[in-house]
Structures are given as C-alpha cells and as structure tokens.
C-alpha atoms as a PDB file:
ATOM      1  CA  MET A   1     -10.522  -1.675   1.084  1.00  0.00           C
ATOM      2  CA  PRO A   2      -8.363  -4.156   3.000  1.00  0.00           C
ATOM      3  CA  ALA A   3      -7.984  -7.664   1.681  1.00  0.00           C
ATOM      4  CA  GLU A   4      -9.541 -10.557   3.525  1.00  0.00           C
ATOM      5  CA  SER A   5      -8.515 -11.509   7.025  1.00  0.00           C
ATOM      6  CA  PRO A   6      -5.477 -13.769   7.430  1.00  0.00           C
ATOM      7  CA  SER A   7      -5.955 -17.515   7.483  1.00  0.00           C
ATOM      8  CA  THR A   8      -6.664 -18.965  10.884  1.00  0.00           C
ATOM      9  CA  ASN A   9      -3.582 -21.183  10.704  1.00  0.00           C
ATOM     10  CA  ALA A  10      -1.228 -18.201  10.959  1.00  0.00           C
ATOM     11  CA  ARG A  11       1.295 -19.227  13.581  1.00  0.00           C
ATOM     12  CA  ILE A  12       2.844 -16.710  15.939  1.00  0.00           C
ATOM     13  CA  SER A  13       3.179 -16.493  19.690  1.00  0.00           C
ATOM     14  CA  THR A  14       0.442 -14.519  21.418  1.00  0.00           C
ATOM     15  CA  ALA A  15       2.559 -14.013  24.513  1.00  0.00           C
ATOM     16  CA  GLY A  16       3.307 -10.549  25.814  1.00  0.00           C
ATOM     17  CA  ALA A  17       6.640 -10.457  24.012  1.00  0.00           C
ATOM     18  CA  GLY A  18       4.823 -10.985  20.726  1.00  0.00           C
ATOM     19  CA  SER A  19       2.557  -8.007  21.344  1.00  0.00           C
ATOM     20  CA  ARG A  20       5.609  -5.790  21.767  1.00  0.00           C
ATOM     21  CA  ALA A  21       7.089  -6.930  18.450  1.00  0.00           C
ATOM     22  CA  PRO A  22       6.904  -4.581  15.460  1.00  0.00           C
ATOM     23  CA  VAL A  23       4.432  -4.538  12.588  1.00  0.00           C
ATOM     24  CA  GLY A  24       5.996  -4.817   9.148  1.00  0.00           C
ATOM     25  CA  ILE A  25       4.721  -2.668   6.277  1.00  0.00           C
ATOM     26  CA  PHE A  26       5.939  -3.430   2.781  1.00  0.00           C
ATOM     27  CA  ASP A  27       5.522  -1.673  -0.554  1.00  0.00           C
ATOM     28  CA  SER A  28       7.323  -1.748  -3.857  1.00  0.00           C
ATOM     29  CA  GLY A  29       8.374   1.804  -3.093  1.00  0.00           C
ATOM     30  CA  LEU A  30       7.054   4.850  -1.294  1.00  0.00           C
ATOM     31  CA  GLY A  31       3.289   4.510  -1.752  1.00  0.00           C
ATOM     32  CA  GLY A  32       2.900   2.456   1.401  1.00  0.00           C
ATOM     33  CA  LEU A  33       3.853   5.551   3.388  1.00  0.00           C
ATOM     34  CA  SER A  34       0.202   6.576   2.952  1.00  0.00           C
ATOM     35  CA  VAL A  35      -0.767   3.362   4.755  1.00  0.00           C
ATOM     36  CA  LEU A  36       1.907   3.919   7.399  1.00  0.00           C
ATOM     37  CA  ARG A  37       0.410   7.354   8.062  1.00  0.00           C
ATOM     38  CA  ALA A  38      -3.025   5.800   8.687  1.00  0.00           C
ATOM     39  CA  VAL A  39      -1.614   2.972  10.839  1.00  0.00           C
ATOM     40  CA  ARG A  40       0.253   5.406  13.065  1.00  0.00           C
ATOM     41  CA  ALA A  41      -2.926   7.411  13.579  1.00  0.00           C
ATOM     42  CA  GLN A  42      -5.041   4.326  14.317  1.00  0.00           C
ATOM     43  CA  LEU A  43      -2.455   2.359  16.328  1.00  0.00           C
ATOM     44  CA  PRO A  44      -0.072   4.872  17.919  1.00  0.00           C
ATOM     45  CA  ASP A  45       1.426   2.324  20.317  1.00  0.00           C
ATOM     46  CA  GLU A  46       2.681  -0.012  17.590  1.00  0.00           C
ATOM     47  CA  THR A  47       6.306  -0.097  16.483  1.00  0.00           C
ATOM     48  CA  ILE A  48       6.581  -0.157  12.693  1.00  0.00           C
ATOM     49  CA  LEU A  49       9.203  -1.440  10.275  1.00  0.00           C
ATOM     50  CA  TYR A  50       8.718  -0.040   6.760  1.00  0.00           C
ATOM     51  CA  ALA A  51      10.471  -1.789   3.872  1.00  0.00           C
ATOM     52  CA  ALA A  52      10.479  -0.325   0.350  1.00  0.00           C
ATOM     53  CA  ASP A  53      11.684  -2.406  -2.591  1.00  0.00           C
ATOM     54  CA  SER A  54      12.655   0.775  -4.411  1.00  0.00           C
ATOM     55  CA  LEU A  55      15.478  -0.884  -6.358  1.00  0.00           C
ATOM     56  CA  TYR A  56      12.853  -2.789  -8.341  1.00  0.00           C
ATOM     57  CA  ALA A  57       9.951  -0.314  -8.328  1.00  0.00           C
ATOM     58  CA  PRO A  58       7.485   0.083  -9.864  1.00  0.00           C
ATOM     59  CA  TYR A  59       5.912  -3.372  -9.648  1.00  0.00           C
ATOM     60  CA  GLY A  60       3.107  -2.316 -11.989  1.00  0.00           C
ATOM     61  CA  GLU A  61       5.396  -2.942 -14.951  1.00  0.00           C
ATOM     62  CA  ARG A  62       6.765  -6.293 -13.721  1.00  0.00           C
ATOM     63  CA  ASP A  63       5.576  -9.808 -14.517  1.00  0.00           C
ATOM     64  CA  ASP A  64       3.513 -11.775 -12.011  1.00  0.00           C
ATOM     65  CA  ASP A  65       6.282 -14.207 -11.027  1.00  0.00           C
ATOM     66  CA  PHE A  66       8.689 -11.341 -10.292  1.00  0.00           C
ATOM     67  CA  ILE A  67       6.126  -9.630  -8.069  1.00  0.00           C
ATOM     68  CA  THR A  68       5.435 -12.819  -6.106  1.00  0.00           C
ATOM     69  CA  ASP A  69       9.156 -13.569  -5.778  1.00  0.00           C
ATOM     70  CA  ARG A  70       9.949 -10.150  -4.344  1.00  0.00           C
ATOM     71  CA  THR A  71       6.892  -9.987  -2.065  1.00  0.00           C
ATOM     72  CA  LEU A  72       7.760 -13.345  -0.508  1.00  0.00           C
ATOM     73  CA  ALA A  73      11.447 -12.471  -0.104  1.00  0.00           C
ATOM     74  CA  ILE A  74      10.708  -9.183   1.650  1.00  0.00           C
ATOM     75  CA  GLY A  75       7.999 -10.769   3.779  1.00  0.00           C
ATOM     76  CA  GLU A  76      10.483 -13.414   4.935  1.00  0.00           C
ATOM     77  CA  TRP A  77      13.064 -10.703   5.622  1.00  0.00           C
ATOM     78  CA  LEU A  78      10.610  -8.776   7.801  1.00  0.00           C
ATOM     79  CA  VAL A  79       9.785 -11.963   9.702  1.00  0.00           C
ATOM     80  CA  ARG A  80      13.506 -12.350  10.409  1.00  0.00           C
ATOM     81  CA  GLN A  81      13.521  -8.777  11.748  1.00  0.00           C
ATOM     82  CA  GLY A  82      10.885  -9.866  14.273  1.00  0.00           C
ATOM     83  CA  ALA A  83       7.682  -8.596  12.619  1.00  0.00           C
ATOM     84  CA  LYS A  84       4.545 -10.002  14.265  1.00  0.00           C
ATOM     85  CA  ALA A  85       2.241  -9.086  11.347  1.00  0.00           C
ATOM     86  CA  LEU A  86       2.684  -7.875   7.794  1.00  0.00           C
ATOM     87  CA  VAL A  87       0.789  -5.248   5.843  1.00  0.00           C
ATOM     88  CA  VAL A  88       1.333  -5.679   2.109  1.00  0.00           C
ATOM     89  CA  ALA A  89       0.734  -1.995   1.382  1.00  0.00           C
ATOM     90  CA  CYS A  90       0.842  -2.403  -2.383  1.00  0.00           C
ATOM     91  CA  ASN A  91      -2.221  -3.057  -4.523  1.00  0.00           C
ATOM     92  CA  THR A  92      -0.152  -4.729  -7.238  1.00  0.00           C
ATOM     93  CA  ALA A  93       1.607  -7.095  -4.833  1.00  0.00           C
ATOM     94  CA  THR A  94      -1.670  -7.905  -3.074  1.00  0.00           C
ATOM     95  CA  ALA A  95      -3.436  -8.608  -6.341  1.00  0.00           C
ATOM     96  CA  GLN A  96      -0.767 -10.960  -7.641  1.00  0.00           C
ATOM     97  CA  SER A  97       0.824 -12.650  -4.653  1.00  0.00           C
ATOM     98  CA  ILE A  98      -0.881 -12.365  -1.301  1.00  0.00           C
ATOM     99  CA  ALA A  99      -2.603 -15.758  -1.420  1.00  0.00           C
ATOM    100  CA  LEU A 100       0.695 -17.578  -1.946  1.00  0.00           C
ATOM    101  CA  VAL A 101       2.652 -15.405   0.485  1.00  0.00           C
ATOM    102  CA  ARG A 102      -0.008 -15.892   3.164  1.00  0.00           C
ATOM    103  CA  GLU A 103       0.537 -19.656   2.911  1.00  0.00           C
ATOM    104  CA  LYS A 104       4.313 -19.293   3.230  1.00  0.00           C
ATOM    105  CA  LEU A 105       4.680 -16.867   6.143  1.00  0.00           C
ATOM    106  CA  PRO A 106       4.062 -17.749   9.813  1.00  0.00           C
ATOM    107  CA  ILE A 107       2.516 -14.372  10.696  1.00  0.00           C
ATOM    108  CA  PRO A 108      -0.850 -12.734   9.895  1.00  0.00           C
ATOM    109  CA  LEU A 109      -1.073 -10.697   6.697  1.00  0.00           C
ATOM    110  CA  VAL A 110      -3.241  -7.758   5.700  1.00  0.00           C
ATOM    111  CA  GLY A 111      -3.380  -6.790   2.038  1.00  0.00           C
ATOM    112  CA  VAL A 112      -4.875  -3.855   0.184  1.00  0.00           C
ATOM    113  CA  GLU A 113      -7.222  -3.648  -2.740  1.00  0.00           C
ATOM    114  CA  PRO A 114      -9.017  -0.868  -4.635  1.00  0.00           C
ATOM    115  CA  GLY A 115     -12.172   0.512  -3.005  1.00  0.00           C
ATOM    116  CA  ILE A 116     -14.681  -0.749  -5.566  1.00  0.00           C
ATOM    117  CA  LYS A 117     -17.328  -1.521  -2.954  1.00  0.00           C
ATOM    118  CA  PRO A 118     -17.372   1.925  -1.268  1.00  0.00           C
ATOM    119  CA  ALA A 119     -17.265   3.624  -4.675  1.00  0.00           C
ATOM    120  CA  ALA A 120     -20.300   1.650  -5.872  1.00  0.00           C
ATOM    121  CA  LEU A 121     -22.142   2.534  -2.665  1.00  0.00           C
ATOM    122  CA  GLN A 122     -21.342   6.249  -2.890  1.00  0.00           C
ATOM    123  CA  SER A 123     -21.680   7.034  -6.595  1.00  0.00           C
ATOM    124  CA  LYS A 124     -24.871   8.887  -7.405  1.00  0.00           C
ATOM    125  CA  THR A 125     -24.327   9.085 -11.169  1.00  0.00           C
ATOM    126  CA  ARG A 126     -23.489   5.335 -11.219  1.00  0.00           C
ATOM    127  CA  VAL A 127     -20.245   6.117 -13.048  1.00  0.00           C
ATOM    128  CA  ALA A 128     -16.934   5.836 -11.208  1.00  0.00           C
ATOM    129  CA  GLY A 129     -13.304   6.077 -12.249  1.00  0.00           C
ATOM    130  CA  VAL A 130     -10.465   3.823 -11.148  1.00  0.00           C
ATOM    131  CA  LEU A 131      -6.802   4.808 -11.286  1.00  0.00           C
ATOM    132  CA  ALA A 132      -4.540   1.799 -10.733  1.00  0.00           C
ATOM    133  CA  THR A 133      -1.519   0.049 -12.207  1.00  0.00           C
ATOM    134  CA  GLN A 134      -1.955  -2.098 -15.299  1.00  0.00           C
ATOM    135  CA  VAL A 135      -1.073  -5.228 -13.291  1.00  0.00           C
ATOM    136  CA  THR A 136      -3.752  -4.482 -10.692  1.00  0.00           C
ATOM    137  CA  LEU A 137      -6.410  -3.804 -13.325  1.00  0.00           C
ATOM    138  CA  ARG A 138      -5.706  -7.031 -15.224  1.00  0.00           C
ATOM    139  CA  SER A 139      -5.572  -9.223 -12.113  1.00  0.00           C
ATOM    140  CA  ALA A 140      -8.203 -11.837 -11.334  1.00  0.00           C
ATOM    141  CA  ARG A 141      -8.511 -10.311  -7.878  1.00  0.00           C
ATOM    142  CA  PHE A 142      -9.543  -6.922  -9.292  1.00  0.00           C
ATOM    143  CA  GLN A 143     -11.945  -8.489 -11.779  1.00  0.00           C
ATOM    144  CA  GLY A 144     -13.478 -10.379  -8.878  1.00  0.00           C
ATOM    145  CA  LEU A 145     -14.049  -7.101  -7.019  1.00  0.00           C
ATOM    146  CA  LEU A 146     -15.909  -5.713 -10.020  1.00  0.00           C
ATOM    147  CA  GLU A 147     -18.047  -8.833 -10.282  1.00  0.00           C
ATOM    148  CA  ARG A 148     -18.910  -8.791  -6.577  1.00  0.00           C
ATOM    149  CA  TYR A 149     -19.461  -5.114  -5.904  1.00  0.00           C
ATOM    150  CA  ALA A 150     -19.896  -3.080  -9.085  1.00  0.00           C
ATOM    151  CA  ALA A 151     -23.623  -3.876  -9.347  1.00  0.00           C
ATOM    152  CA  ASP A 152     -25.198  -1.273 -11.668  1.00  0.00           C
ATOM    153  CA  CYS A 153     -22.240   1.108 -11.382  1.00  0.00           C
ATOM    154  CA  ARG A 154     -20.057   1.580 -14.468  1.00  0.00           C
ATOM    155  CA  PHE A 155     -16.346   1.639 -13.665  1.00  0.00           C
ATOM    156  CA  LEU A 156     -13.941   3.422 -15.988  1.00  0.00           C
ATOM    157  CA  CYS A 157     -10.563   1.775 -15.419  1.00  0.00           C
ATOM    158  CA  GLN A 158      -7.493   3.843 -16.255  1.00  0.00           C
ATOM    159  CA  PRO A 159      -3.897   2.593 -15.903  1.00  0.00           C
ATOM    160  CA  GLY A 160      -1.926   5.321 -14.172  1.00  0.00           C
ATOM    161  CA  HIS A 161       1.224   5.020 -16.252  1.00  0.00           C
ATOM    162  CA  GLY A 162       3.913   7.320 -14.888  1.00  0.00           C
ATOM    163  CA  LEU A 163       2.195   8.218 -11.620  1.00  0.00           C
ATOM    164  CA  VAL A 164       4.100   5.807  -9.382  1.00  0.00           C
ATOM    165  CA  GLN A 165       7.373   6.960 -10.904  1.00  0.00           C
ATOM    166  CA  ALA A 166       6.416  10.582 -10.202  1.00  0.00           C
ATOM    167  CA  VAL A 167       5.744   9.911  -6.518  1.00  0.00           C
ATOM    168  CA  GLU A 168       8.938   7.843  -6.255  1.00  0.00           C
ATOM    169  CA  ARG A 169      10.924  10.896  -7.329  1.00  0.00           C
ATOM    170  CA  CYS A 170       8.895  13.096  -4.957  1.00  0.00           C
ATOM    171  CA  ASP A 171       7.049  14.861  -7.770  1.00  0.00           C
ATOM    172  CA  ILE A 172       3.535  15.463  -6.469  1.00  0.00           C
ATOM    173  CA  GLY A 173       2.686  18.718  -8.195  1.00  0.00           C
ATOM    174  CA  SER A 174       4.776  19.592 -11.253  1.00  0.00           C
ATOM    175  CA  ALA A 175       3.229  20.909 -14.458  1.00  0.00           C
ATOM    176  CA  GLU A 176       4.171  17.667 -16.191  1.00  0.00           C
ATOM    177  CA  LEU A 177       2.460  15.580 -13.523  1.00  0.00           C
ATOM    178  CA  ARG A 178      -0.693  17.699 -13.654  1.00  0.00           C
ATOM    179  CA  ALA A 179      -0.833  17.348 -17.431  1.00  0.00           C
ATOM    180  CA  LEU A 180      -0.523  13.563 -17.071  1.00  0.00           C
ATOM    181  CA  LEU A 181      -3.293  13.477 -14.449  1.00  0.00           C
ATOM    182  CA  ARG A 182      -5.547  15.696 -16.525  1.00  0.00           C
ATOM    183  CA  GLY A 183      -5.254  13.293 -19.431  1.00  0.00           C
ATOM    184  CA  TYR A 184      -6.436  10.462 -17.169  1.00  0.00           C
ATOM    185  CA  LEU A 185      -9.160  12.353 -15.304  1.00  0.00           C
ATOM    186  CA  GLN A 186     -10.854  14.494 -17.942  1.00  0.00           C
ATOM    187  CA  PRO A 187     -12.373  11.503 -19.818  1.00  0.00           C
ATOM    188  CA  MET A 188     -13.858  10.307 -16.521  1.00  0.00           C
ATOM    189  CA  LEU A 189     -15.419  13.712 -15.893  1.00  0.00           C
ATOM    190  CA  ASP A 190     -16.695  13.839 -19.472  1.00  0.00           C
ATOM    191  CA  ALA A 191     -18.339  10.431 -18.948  1.00  0.00           C
ATOM    192  CA  GLY A 192     -20.181  11.670 -15.848  1.00  0.00           C
ATOM    193  CA  ALA A 193     -18.077  10.048 -13.130  1.00  0.00           C
ATOM    194  CA  ASP A 194     -18.609  11.446  -9.645  1.00  0.00           C
ATOM    195  CA  THR A 195     -16.285   9.090  -7.750  1.00  0.00           C
ATOM    196  CA  LEU A 196     -12.602   8.170  -8.174  1.00  0.00           C
ATOM    197  CA  VAL A 197     -10.974   5.089  -6.694  1.00  0.00           C
ATOM    198  CA  LEU A 198      -7.297   5.625  -5.870  1.00  0.00           C
ATOM    199  CA  GLY A 199      -6.245   2.072  -6.681  1.00  0.00           C
ATOM    200  CA  CYS A 200      -2.585   2.399  -5.708  1.00  0.00           C
ATOM    201  CA  THR A 201      -1.151   3.391  -2.340  1.00  0.00           C
ATOM    202  CA  HIS A 202       1.085   5.946  -4.091  1.00  0.00           C
ATOM    203  CA  TYR A 203      -1.889   7.934  -5.348  1.00  0.00           C
ATOM    204  CA  PRO A 204      -3.137   9.516  -2.075  1.00  0.00           C
ATOM    205  CA  PHE A 205       0.014  11.658  -2.186  1.00  0.00           C
ATOM    206  CA  LEU A 206      -1.389  13.141  -5.418  1.00  0.00           C
ATOM    207  CA  ASP A 207      -4.585  14.238  -3.669  1.00  0.00           C
ATOM    208  CA  ALA A 208      -3.842  17.968  -3.928  1.00  0.00           C
ATOM    209  CA  ALA A 209      -2.926  17.769  -7.613  1.00  0.00           C
ATOM    210  CA  ILE A 210      -6.068  15.756  -8.352  1.00  0.00           C
ATOM    211  CA  ARG A 211      -8.214  18.239  -6.434  1.00  0.00           C
ATOM    212  CA  ASP A 212      -6.778  21.116  -8.438  1.00  0.00           C
ATOM    213  CA  ILE A 213      -8.011  19.412 -11.604  1.00  0.00           C
ATOM    214  CA  VAL A 214     -11.379  17.977 -10.561  1.00  0.00           C
ATOM    215  CA  GLY A 215     -12.406  20.271  -7.717  1.00  0.00           C
ATOM    216  CA  ASP A 216     -15.380  18.773  -5.904  1.00  0.00           C
ATOM    217  CA  ARG A 217     -16.683  16.916  -8.934  1.00  0.00           C
ATOM    218  CA  LEU A 218     -15.114  13.620  -7.854  1.00  0.00           C
ATOM    219  CA  THR A 219     -15.264  11.965  -4.424  1.00  0.00           C
ATOM    220  CA  LEU A 220     -11.878  10.338  -3.805  1.00  0.00           C
ATOM    221  CA  ILE A 221     -11.839   6.827  -2.354  1.00  0.00           C
ATOM    222  CA  ASP A 222      -8.640   6.196  -0.351  1.00  0.00           C
ATOM    223  CA  THR A 223      -8.674   2.941   1.616  1.00  0.00           C
ATOM    224  CA  SER A 224      -5.692   3.638   3.901  1.00  0.00           C
ATOM    225  CA  VAL A 225      -7.887   4.171   6.979  1.00  0.00           C
ATOM    226  CA  ALA A 226      -9.804   0.951   6.281  1.00  0.00           C
ATOM    227  CA  ILE A 227      -6.499  -0.918   6.049  1.00  0.00           C
ATOM    228  CA  ALA A 228      -5.381   0.448   9.423  1.00  0.00           C
ATOM    229  CA  ARG A 229      -8.668  -0.616  11.011  1.00  0.00           C
ATOM    230  CA  GLN A 230      -8.328  -4.097   9.510  1.00  0.00           C
ATOM    231  CA  LEU A 231      -4.818  -4.360  10.947  1.00  0.00           C
ATOM    232  CA  GLU A 232      -6.222  -3.399  14.337  1.00  0.00           C
ATOM    233  CA  ARG A 233      -8.822  -6.189  14.078  1.00  0.00           C
ATOM    234  CA  VAL A 234      -6.184  -8.726  13.020  1.00  0.00           C
ATOM    235  CA  LEU A 235      -3.835  -7.826  15.875  1.00  0.00           C
ATOM    236  CA  ASP A 236      -6.693  -8.075  18.378  1.00  0.00           C
ATOM    237  CA  GLN A 237      -7.790 -11.402  16.895  1.00  0.00           C
ATOM    238  CA  HIS A 238      -4.304 -12.875  17.416  1.00  0.00           C
ATOM    239  CA  GLY A 239      -3.638 -11.222  20.777  1.00  0.00           C
ATOM    240  CA  LEU A 240      -0.822  -9.193  19.262  1.00  0.00           C
ATOM    241  CA  ARG A 241      -1.883  -5.592  19.778  1.00  0.00           C
ATOM    242  CA  ALA A 242       0.609  -3.493  21.701  1.00  0.00           C
ATOM    243  CA  ALA A 243      -0.611  -2.172  25.020  1.00  0.00           C
ATOM    244  CA  ALA A 244      -0.372   1.534  25.713  1.00  0.00           C
ATOM    245  CA  ASP A 245       2.448   2.470  28.070  1.00  0.00           C
ATOM    246  CA  HIS A 246       0.740   5.004  30.332  1.00  0.00           C
ATOM    247  CA  ASP A 247       3.871   5.399  32.457  1.00  0.00           C
ATOM    248  CA  ASP A 248       6.033   6.747  29.641  1.00  0.00           C
ATOM    249  CA  SER A 249       4.825   9.672  27.568  1.00  0.00           C
ATOM    250  CA  SER A 250       7.751   9.141  25.173  1.00  0.00           C
ATOM    251  CA  ALA A 251       6.932   5.468  24.619  1.00  0.00           C
ATOM    252  CA  ALA A 252       5.933   5.942  20.977  1.00  0.00           C
ATOM    253  CA  VAL A 253       8.810   4.701  18.850  1.00  0.00           C
ATOM    254  CA  PRO A 254       9.311   6.298  15.428  1.00  0.00           C
ATOM    255  CA  PRO A 255       9.101   3.938  12.444  1.00  0.00           C
ATOM    256  CA  ARG A 256      12.265   2.314  11.179  1.00  0.00           C
ATOM    257  CA  PHE A 257      12.746   2.675   7.434  1.00  0.00           C
ATOM    258  CA  TYR A 258      14.520   0.291   5.084  1.00  0.00           C
ATOM    259  CA  SER A 259      15.005   0.421   1.327  1.00  0.00           C
ATOM    260  CA  THR A 260      16.603  -1.770  -1.304  1.00  0.00           C
ATOM    261  CA  GLY A 261      17.435   1.501  -3.099  1.00  0.00           C
ATOM    262  CA  ASP A 262      19.459   4.422  -1.777  1.00  0.00           C
ATOM    263  CA  GLY A 263      16.560   5.672   0.351  1.00  0.00           C
ATOM    264  CA  SER A 264      17.033   9.390  -0.329  1.00  0.00           C
ATOM    265  CA  HIS A 265      13.584   9.926  -1.835  1.00  0.00           C
ATOM    266  CA  GLN A 266      12.004   7.823   0.900  1.00  0.00           C
ATOM    267  CA  GLN A 267      13.612  10.029   3.533  1.00  0.00           C
ATOM    268  CA  GLN A 268      12.500  13.177   1.683  1.00  0.00           C
ATOM    269  CA  LEU A 269       8.893  12.036   1.275  1.00  0.00           C
ATOM    270  CA  ALA A 270       8.650  10.899   4.903  1.00  0.00           C
ATOM    271  CA  ALA A 271       9.882  14.305   6.042  1.00  0.00           C
ATOM    272  CA  THR A 272       7.729  16.332   3.648  1.00  0.00           C
ATOM    273  CA  LEU A 273       4.436  14.464   3.830  1.00  0.00           C
ATOM    274  CA  LEU A 274       4.575  12.629   7.166  1.00  0.00           C
ATOM    275  CA  HIS A 275       6.765  15.057   9.140  1.00  0.00           C
ATOM    276  CA  ILE A 276       9.026  12.190  10.159  1.00  0.00           C
ATOM    277  CA  ASP A 277      12.721  12.969  10.205  1.00  0.00           C
ATOM    278  CA  ALA A 278      14.346   9.573  10.022  1.00  0.00           C
ATOM    279  CA  THR A 279      17.252   7.878   8.362  1.00  0.00           C
ATOM    280  CA  VAL A 280      16.625   5.120   5.817  1.00  0.00           C
ATOM    281  CA  GLU A 281      18.816   2.032   6.033  1.00  0.00           C
ATOM    282  CA  GLN A 282      19.724   0.487   2.688  1.00  0.00           C
ATOM    283  CA  VAL A 283      19.393  -3.294   2.779  1.00  0.00           C
ATOM    284  CA  LEU A 284      20.117  -6.147   0.398  1.00  0.00           C
ATOM    285  CA  ILE A 285      17.214  -8.600   0.118  1.00  0.00           C
ATOM    286  CA  PRO A 286      18.084 -11.203  -2.512  1.00  0.00           C
ATOM    287  CA  SER A 287      15.484 -13.437  -4.100  1.00  0.00           C
ATOM    288  CA  ARG A 288      15.258 -16.083  -6.796  1.00  0.00           C
ATOM    289  CA  ARG A 289      14.712 -13.455  -9.520  1.00  0.00           C
ATOM    290  CA  THR A 290      17.287 -11.007  -8.140  1.00  0.00           C
ATOM    291  CA  ALA A 291      20.240 -13.166  -7.175  1.00  0.00           C
ATOM    292  CA  THR A 292      22.736 -10.295  -7.327  1.00  0.00           C
ATOM    293  CA  PRO A 293      22.438  -6.791  -5.808  1.00  0.00           C
ATOM    294  CA  ASP A 294      22.414  -5.027  -9.172  1.00  0.00           C
ATOM    295  CA  SER A 295      20.087  -7.475 -10.899  1.00  0.00           C
ATOM    296  CA  GLN A 296      17.302  -5.755 -12.770  1.00  0.00           C
ATOM    297  CA  ALA A 297      15.748  -8.963 -14.043  1.00  0.00           C
ATOM    298  CA  ALA A 298      12.177  -8.541 -15.126  1.00  0.00           C
END
C-alpha cells in the first residue's frame, strides 16, 4: 500500500507550468519499473522521469544511513530536473528514509510499503506470507504495519535474499531463480498460507515464476496500483495533475530513464516487460557516502 500522504507544508507552485512538470520515480534499481507501469496506466498524461541507483543496488543489504543518504541525493537531483512530485518506488528506501527526505524536499512525496492491511483483510486461513528485503522487514515502519493491521492474521516474514539481484540482471525465470523461490515459498504453503505480500517493487516481475510454483494456492498482493492511485490523489490535492491534451493524439511523452549504472539491464527490462524502447542516460549523482563515482562505500 502507499505510504501516508505528503506533509501539508510541501512547497511547490500550483500554477499551470507546475502541472506540466514531470513526476519523478526513484528506486534503488529496476523494481520501480513495476510502479512506473501502474502510474502510466493510471495517469497517462503525466511525463515521468525514472531514476535507478543501480550502481549501489540492492539497498536491502545496505546500512540505514547509506540508504537515507542516497535517497535524499537522488530526490534532490530529481527536483533539479524539474520534478513536481516524487514517488519513492522502493520499499527499503521508504521504510528507512522517507520521513527525513519528506522534510528536506520542497515537493510532495509518495512512498511504498508492503500490503499488510489488504493481506490481513483477504486471508481466509489467517496465515499470510511476506517476501521483502531484510532491511524492510527489520524496519520500525514495517513492524508498525504489523501492529496496526495484522490483527489475528499470522504473517510469515521471509527475506528474499537474491531476488532483487536476479531481477536486476533480468533473470525472471531461470531454473536457479525458481529453486530459490521454491525454498522461500514452500514453507509458507506448508504452514497454510493463502496470501503472499510482494514486499519489494522488484517482485511483481517474478509473478509468473511464483505462479508456476504456487498455482492458485496463494493470492498475490502487489500494491503498485494503489501507489498510482495515491499519486493521483496527491497531484490533485496540490493542483499538479497534468491536463489531457485533447488536441494532440501524440501528446503522451515516453518516460525518460536515468541510471547511476550502465543502464543496459534497465533498457532490456523496460523493453521486455513494459514494451518501452528507450535509451537510458547514465548519470553521476554524488552524495555524502559516495563522494567519488566508483565509490562502493557501504
């Protein structure tokens, strides 16, 4: 489900020029493309800038300060590119940094978080699985979701070690990936789970592989559509939603893609899964923890 609405002190012009400005979407890597897909479907008139911090992915194995440092740096970079709103399309970054980043940026933010509430509402066996990064699962934000919404539903929380890396290299169906997934999913099935929360924006791209393993025994909870609807509400709230151009049938502008890595996998995944043929511009976005381009500081 989307994180809470942006603070009311977010400061950005609500003039017409502002409504024509792009929406920024940020992820540690390629997982946010699942959110981009939902945003394009929900808000086809919006221009989108997608920034992937692929040089430092995955965030799920980074420390909290590193995650906050990079999220803020990329958020500030997107503001400089003219973004009118920011979607932090990364569960790990949302869990660890969105409160601080929201205070620092002058535009509205929408974050993401695992769909604990819809899973608790839908589960009939009262047992649900959660696949997420270790950082997300250990975060106070995730623990707060369990306290608020789990009720009498038992959640089996499984760190998805290796899954983000698989998607980043465009592996969404190899035998090795399926074996890894089976090891995570079979204990959930054995415990009687009937619902699975995809607690990372990378994981919807593994939908077919998951389905091959679990069939119809698990209902998959993917919050990408809810995030897109929350963005729509936020843009309307701030008078920033782009108006449809009824005089130009070619008005829809394809997303612009940026990566701190070489961008080749991002281009491949966008073409394969989103049917978007676009170049990816490699950009340098320094931050306190990554002062030099080749820094791999953790």
